[in-house]
């Protein structure tokens, strides 16, 4: 197995969309009514929203491949989490997912390291992350990178509202 990471471009919108839908469905697919999940995935993870994000110069995404097969990704951009300490130029880690078949291999850390190298250039910027309150593994993962809880918010998927924690790495 040879894994590689590369920065995504707008030409990768279809790949990123398929990977985003697959990983979100693996992770949370049984948490929502099917019609709510389908509408959410279409609105946020279909190719067009992915292309729009990838065309925005303020955003960045990285794709992780096992040989030529996409197995994970990380997407980041301007912070949209509401908190009193948010400042212009702060960055939000919006999504970090690895296919279940490839988890526990250090792939999330590799994606995070690539992201942090980008985040901290040319100067270190504040990192914000929204994470599901019941995703303890993700909370521990982000804590290893200096992120700590500073607030909460509700994340809507259809009629469902999930309690999310706002994490920050100053």
C-alpha atoms as a PDB file:
ATOM      1  CA  UNK A   1       0.000   0.000   0.000  1.00  0.00           C
ATOM      2  CA  UNK A   2       1.404   3.365  -1.050  1.00  0.00           C
ATOM      3  CA  UNK A   3      -0.409   6.366   0.390  1.00  0.00           C
ATOM      4  CA  UNK A   4      -0.016   9.879  -0.938  1.00  0.00           C
ATOM      5  CA  UNK A   5      -1.531  13.239  -0.094  1.00  0.00           C
ATOM      6  CA  UNK A   6      -2.030  16.063  -2.521  1.00  0.00           C
ATOM      7  CA  UNK A   7      -3.799  19.378  -2.513  1.00  0.00           C
ATOM      8  CA  UNK A   8      -7.172  19.183  -4.270  1.00  0.00           C
ATOM      9  CA  UNK A   9      -8.043  21.395  -7.238  1.00  0.00           C
ATOM     10  CA  UNK A  10     -11.420  22.276  -8.806  1.00  0.00           C
ATOM     11  CA  UNK A  11     -10.866  19.373 -11.218  1.00  0.00           C
ATOM     12  CA  UNK A  12     -11.157  17.061  -8.175  1.00  0.00           C
ATOM     13  CA  UNK A  13     -14.739  18.092  -7.341  1.00  0.00           C
ATOM     14  CA  UNK A  14     -16.207  14.745  -8.445  1.00  0.00           C
ATOM     15  CA  UNK A  15     -13.621  12.744  -6.467  1.00  0.00           C
ATOM     16  CA  UNK A  16     -14.082  14.915  -3.389  1.00  0.00           C
ATOM     17  CA  UNK A  17     -17.869  14.693  -3.661  1.00  0.00           C
ATOM     18  CA  UNK A  18     -17.874  10.885  -3.882  1.00  0.00           C
ATOM     19  CA  UNK A  19     -15.462  10.620  -0.962  1.00  0.00           C
ATOM     20  CA  UNK A  20     -17.389  13.151   1.160  1.00  0.00           C
ATOM     21  CA  UNK A  21     -20.690  11.349   0.585  1.00  0.00           C
ATOM     22  CA  UNK A  22     -19.174   7.917   1.267  1.00  0.00           C
ATOM     23  CA  UNK A  23     -17.382   8.912   4.478  1.00  0.00           C
ATOM     24  CA  UNK A  24     -20.266  10.975   5.881  1.00  0.00           C
ATOM     25  CA  UNK A  25     -22.698   8.151   5.170  1.00  0.00           C
ATOM     26  CA  UNK A  26     -20.362   5.590   6.789  1.00  0.00           C
ATOM     27  CA  UNK A  27     -19.976   7.779   9.852  1.00  0.00           C
ATOM     28  CA  UNK A  28     -23.451   9.232  10.339  1.00  0.00           C
ATOM     29  CA  UNK A  29     -25.749   7.518   7.823  1.00  0.00           C
ATOM     30  CA  UNK A  30     -27.836   5.728  10.435  1.00  0.00           C
ATOM     31  CA  UNK A  31     -28.255   8.885  12.546  1.00  0.00           C
ATOM     32  CA  UNK A  32     -30.819  10.632  10.346  1.00  0.00           C
ATOM     33  CA  UNK A  33     -34.010   9.866   8.435  1.00  0.00           C
ATOM     34  CA  UNK A  34     -33.004   8.815   4.879  1.00  0.00           C
ATOM     35  CA  UNK A  35     -34.717  11.789   3.214  1.00  0.00           C
ATOM     36  CA  UNK A  36     -32.959  14.278   5.543  1.00  0.00           C
ATOM     37  CA  UNK A  37     -29.598  12.628   4.938  1.00  0.00           C
ATOM     38  CA  UNK A  38     -30.079  12.590   1.156  1.00  0.00           C
ATOM     39  CA  UNK A  39     -31.051  16.283   1.076  1.00  0.00           C
ATOM     40  CA  UNK A  40     -28.105  17.231   3.301  1.00  0.00           C
ATOM     41  CA  UNK A  41     -25.610  15.275   1.211  1.00  0.00           C
ATOM     42  CA  UNK A  42     -26.904  16.778  -2.025  1.00  0.00           C
ATOM     43  CA  UNK A  43     -26.883  20.343  -0.671  1.00  0.00           C
ATOM     44  CA  UNK A  44     -23.418  20.180   0.870  1.00  0.00           C
ATOM     45  CA  UNK A  45     -21.385  17.352  -0.664  1.00  0.00           C
ATOM     46  CA  UNK A  46     -22.528  17.026  -4.273  1.00  0.00           C
ATOM     47  CA  UNK A  47     -19.990  18.018  -6.959  1.00  0.00           C
ATOM     48  CA  UNK A  48     -21.169  21.605  -7.433  1.00  0.00           C
ATOM     49  CA  UNK A  49     -20.736  22.723  -3.773  1.00  0.00           C
ATOM     50  CA  UNK A  50     -17.372  20.946  -3.736  1.00  0.00           C
ATOM     51  CA  UNK A  51     -16.283  22.732  -6.925  1.00  0.00           C
ATOM     52  CA  UNK A  52     -17.391  26.080  -5.494  1.00  0.00           C
ATOM     53  CA  UNK A  53     -15.314  25.499  -2.359  1.00  0.00           C
ATOM     54  CA  UNK A  54     -12.282  24.376  -4.352  1.00  0.00           C
ATOM     55  CA  UNK A  55     -12.482  27.472  -6.584  1.00  0.00           C
ATOM     56  CA  UNK A  56     -12.422  29.810  -3.564  1.00  0.00           C
ATOM     57  CA  UNK A  57      -8.806  30.941  -3.004  1.00  0.00           C
ATOM     58  CA  UNK A  58      -9.470  31.211   0.753  1.00  0.00           C
ATOM     59  CA  UNK A  59     -10.166  27.474   1.047  1.00  0.00           C
ATOM     60  CA  UNK A  60      -7.989  24.399   0.796  1.00  0.00           C
ATOM     61  CA  UNK A  61      -8.547  20.663   0.659  1.00  0.00           C
ATOM     62  CA  UNK A  62      -6.236  17.675   0.648  1.00  0.00           C
ATOM     63  CA  UNK A  63      -6.946  14.235  -0.777  1.00  0.00           C
ATOM     64  CA  UNK A  64      -5.423  11.066   0.628  1.00  0.00           C
ATOM     65  CA  UNK A  65      -4.894   8.172  -1.784  1.00  0.00           C
ATOM     66  CA  UNK A  66      -4.057   4.500  -1.319  1.00  0.00           C
ATOM     67  CA  UNK A  67      -2.294   3.861  -4.603  1.00  0.00           C
ATOM     68  CA  UNK A  68      -4.787   5.576  -6.956  1.00  0.00           C
ATOM     69  CA  UNK A  69      -7.874   5.121  -4.764  1.00  0.00           C
ATOM     70  CA  UNK A  70      -9.122   8.107  -2.713  1.00  0.00           C
ATOM     71  CA  UNK A  71      -9.488   7.073   0.935  1.00  0.00           C
ATOM     72  CA  UNK A  72      -9.669  10.330   2.894  1.00  0.00           C
ATOM     73  CA  UNK A  73      -9.705  14.081   2.788  1.00  0.00           C
ATOM     74  CA  UNK A  74      -9.503  17.277   4.805  1.00  0.00           C
ATOM     75  CA  UNK A  75     -11.281  20.515   3.858  1.00  0.00           C
ATOM     76  CA  UNK A  76     -10.716  23.932   5.423  1.00  0.00           C
ATOM     77  CA  UNK A  77     -11.651  27.540   4.828  1.00  0.00           C
ATOM     78  CA  UNK A  78     -12.686  30.787   6.447  1.00  0.00           C
ATOM     79  CA  UNK A  79     -14.216  30.260   9.871  1.00  0.00           C
ATOM     80  CA  UNK A  80     -18.021  30.178   9.976  1.00  0.00           C
ATOM     81  CA  UNK A  81     -18.413  29.111  13.619  1.00  0.00           C
ATOM     82  CA  UNK A  82     -19.996  31.764  15.803  1.00  0.00           C
ATOM     83  CA  UNK A  83     -17.879  32.770  18.784  1.00  0.00           C
ATOM     84  CA  UNK A  84     -16.977  36.106  20.390  1.00  0.00           C
ATOM     85  CA  UNK A  85     -13.240  35.531  19.873  1.00  0.00           C
ATOM     86  CA  UNK A  86     -13.378  34.916  16.104  1.00  0.00           C
ATOM     87  CA  UNK A  87     -11.197  37.292  14.109  1.00  0.00           C
ATOM     88  CA  UNK A  88     -10.771  38.030  10.428  1.00  0.00           C
ATOM     89  CA  UNK A  89      -8.364  35.514   8.900  1.00  0.00           C
ATOM     90  CA  UNK A  90      -9.224  32.674  11.294  1.00  0.00           C
ATOM     91  CA  UNK A  91      -9.535  29.263   9.637  1.00  0.00           C
ATOM     92  CA  UNK A  92     -12.060  26.492  10.225  1.00  0.00           C
ATOM     93  CA  UNK A  93     -11.237  22.839   9.711  1.00  0.00           C
ATOM     94  CA  UNK A  94     -14.531  21.941   8.115  1.00  0.00           C
ATOM     95  CA  UNK A  95     -14.156  18.201   7.457  1.00  0.00           C
ATOM     96  CA  UNK A  96     -11.609  15.472   8.080  1.00  0.00           C
ATOM     97  CA  UNK A  97     -12.713  11.975   7.099  1.00  0.00           C
ATOM     98  CA  UNK A  98     -11.007   8.693   6.256  1.00  0.00           C
ATOM     99  CA  UNK A  99     -12.879   5.668   4.932  1.00  0.00           C
ATOM    100  CA  UNK A 100     -13.597   3.165   7.707  1.00  0.00           C
ATOM    101  CA  UNK A 101     -11.543   0.526   5.879  1.00  0.00           C
ATOM    102  CA  UNK A 102      -8.428   2.717   6.255  1.00  0.00           C
ATOM    103  CA  UNK A 103      -8.846   4.145   9.758  1.00  0.00           C
ATOM    104  CA  UNK A 104      -6.334   3.625  12.565  1.00  0.00           C
ATOM    105  CA  UNK A 105      -3.391   3.817  10.188  1.00  0.00           C
ATOM    106  CA  UNK A 106      -2.240   7.343  11.052  1.00  0.00           C
ATOM    107  CA  UNK A 107      -3.911   8.768   7.948  1.00  0.00           C
ATOM    108  CA  UNK A 108      -5.862  11.429   9.848  1.00  0.00           C
ATOM    109  CA  UNK A 109      -2.628  12.650  11.405  1.00  0.00           C
ATOM    110  CA  UNK A 110      -0.970  12.813   7.990  1.00  0.00           C
ATOM    111  CA  UNK A 111      -3.838  14.924   6.646  1.00  0.00           C
ATOM    112  CA  UNK A 112      -3.744  17.122   9.746  1.00  0.00           C
ATOM    113  CA  UNK A 113       0.018  17.667   9.397  1.00  0.00           C
ATOM    114  CA  UNK A 114      -0.392  18.758   5.759  1.00  0.00           C
ATOM    115  CA  UNK A 115      -3.190  21.105   6.784  1.00  0.00           C
ATOM    116  CA  UNK A 116      -1.261  22.627   9.706  1.00  0.00           C
ATOM    117  CA  UNK A 117       1.740  23.317   7.484  1.00  0.00           C
ATOM    118  CA  UNK A 118      -0.606  25.333   5.234  1.00  0.00           C
ATOM    119  CA  UNK A 119      -2.437  26.950   8.172  1.00  0.00           C
ATOM    120  CA  UNK A 120       0.730  28.258   9.781  1.00  0.00           C
ATOM    121  CA  UNK A 121       2.142  29.883   6.631  1.00  0.00           C
ATOM    122  CA  UNK A 122       3.051  32.678   6.303  1.00  0.00           C
ATOM    123  CA  UNK A 123       2.012  33.242   9.947  1.00  0.00           C
ATOM    124  CA  UNK A 124       0.238  31.089  12.476  1.00  0.00           C
ATOM    125  CA  UNK A 125      -3.548  31.542  12.301  1.00  0.00           C
ATOM    126  CA  UNK A 126      -6.231  30.571  14.801  1.00  0.00           C
ATOM    127  CA  UNK A 127      -7.841  27.236  14.053  1.00  0.00           C
ATOM    128  CA  UNK A 128     -11.532  26.546  14.745  1.00  0.00           C
ATOM    129  CA  UNK A 129     -13.185  23.113  14.567  1.00  0.00           C
ATOM    130  CA  UNK A 130     -16.778  22.005  15.060  1.00  0.00           C
ATOM    131  CA  UNK A 131     -17.064  18.441  16.346  1.00  0.00           C
ATOM    132  CA  UNK A 132     -20.065  16.346  17.342  1.00  0.00           C
ATOM    133  CA  UNK A 133     -20.405  16.281  21.127  1.00  0.00           C
ATOM    134  CA  UNK A 134     -20.549  12.463  21.104  1.00  0.00           C
ATOM    135  CA  UNK A 135     -17.538  11.930  18.824  1.00  0.00           C
ATOM    136  CA  UNK A 136     -15.026  11.321  21.598  1.00  0.00           C
ATOM    137  CA  UNK A 137     -12.354   9.954  19.278  1.00  0.00           C
ATOM    138  CA  UNK A 138     -12.359  13.145  17.191  1.00  0.00           C
ATOM    139  CA  UNK A 139     -12.284  15.264  20.343  1.00  0.00           C
ATOM    140  CA  UNK A 140      -9.183  13.382  21.581  1.00  0.00           C
ATOM    141  CA  UNK A 141      -7.598  13.664  18.127  1.00  0.00           C
ATOM    142  CA  UNK A 142      -8.024  17.449  18.003  1.00  0.00           C
ATOM    143  CA  UNK A 143      -6.870  17.828  21.624  1.00  0.00           C
ATOM    144  CA  UNK A 144      -3.526  16.301  20.574  1.00  0.00           C
ATOM    145  CA  UNK A 145      -3.166  19.290  18.261  1.00  0.00           C
ATOM    146  CA  UNK A 146      -3.862  21.860  20.984  1.00  0.00           C
ATOM    147  CA  UNK A 147      -7.585  22.356  20.318  1.00  0.00           C
ATOM    148  CA  UNK A 148      -9.846  22.865  23.311  1.00  0.00           C
ATOM    149  CA  UNK A 149     -13.585  23.406  23.777  1.00  0.00           C
ATOM    150  CA  UNK A 150     -14.710  27.030  23.852  1.00  0.00           C
ATOM    151  CA  UNK A 151     -18.420  26.774  22.997  1.00  0.00           C
ATOM    152  CA  UNK A 152     -21.320  24.839  21.513  1.00  0.00           C
ATOM    153  CA  UNK A 153     -23.778  25.121  18.643  1.00  0.00           C
ATOM    154  CA  UNK A 154     -26.466  23.100  16.886  1.00  0.00           C
ATOM    155  CA  UNK A 155     -25.704  21.379  13.597  1.00  0.00           C
ATOM    156  CA  UNK A 156     -28.819  20.814  11.453  1.00  0.00           C
ATOM    157  CA  UNK A 157     -29.390  17.820   9.208  1.00  0.00           C
ATOM    158  CA  UNK A 158     -33.000  18.078   8.086  1.00  0.00           C
ATOM    159  CA  UNK A 159     -35.173  18.228  11.192  1.00  0.00           C
ATOM    160  CA  UNK A 160     -32.396  16.800  13.377  1.00  0.00           C
ATOM    161  CA  UNK A 161     -30.187  19.064  15.473  1.00  0.00           C
ATOM    162  CA  UNK A 162     -26.899  17.722  16.792  1.00  0.00           C
ATOM    163  CA  UNK A 163     -25.055  19.311  19.704  1.00  0.00           C
ATOM    164  CA  UNK A 164     -21.613  20.262  18.431  1.00  0.00           C
ATOM    165  CA  UNK A 165     -18.612  21.546  20.347  1.00  0.00           C
ATOM    166  CA  UNK A 166     -16.605  24.512  19.100  1.00  0.00           C
ATOM    167  CA  UNK A 167     -12.904  23.819  19.494  1.00  0.00           C
ATOM    168  CA  UNK A 168     -10.123  26.346  19.066  1.00  0.00           C
ATOM    169  CA  UNK A 169      -6.357  26.194  18.709  1.00  0.00           C
ATOM    170  CA  UNK A 170      -5.037  29.684  19.378  1.00  0.00           C
END
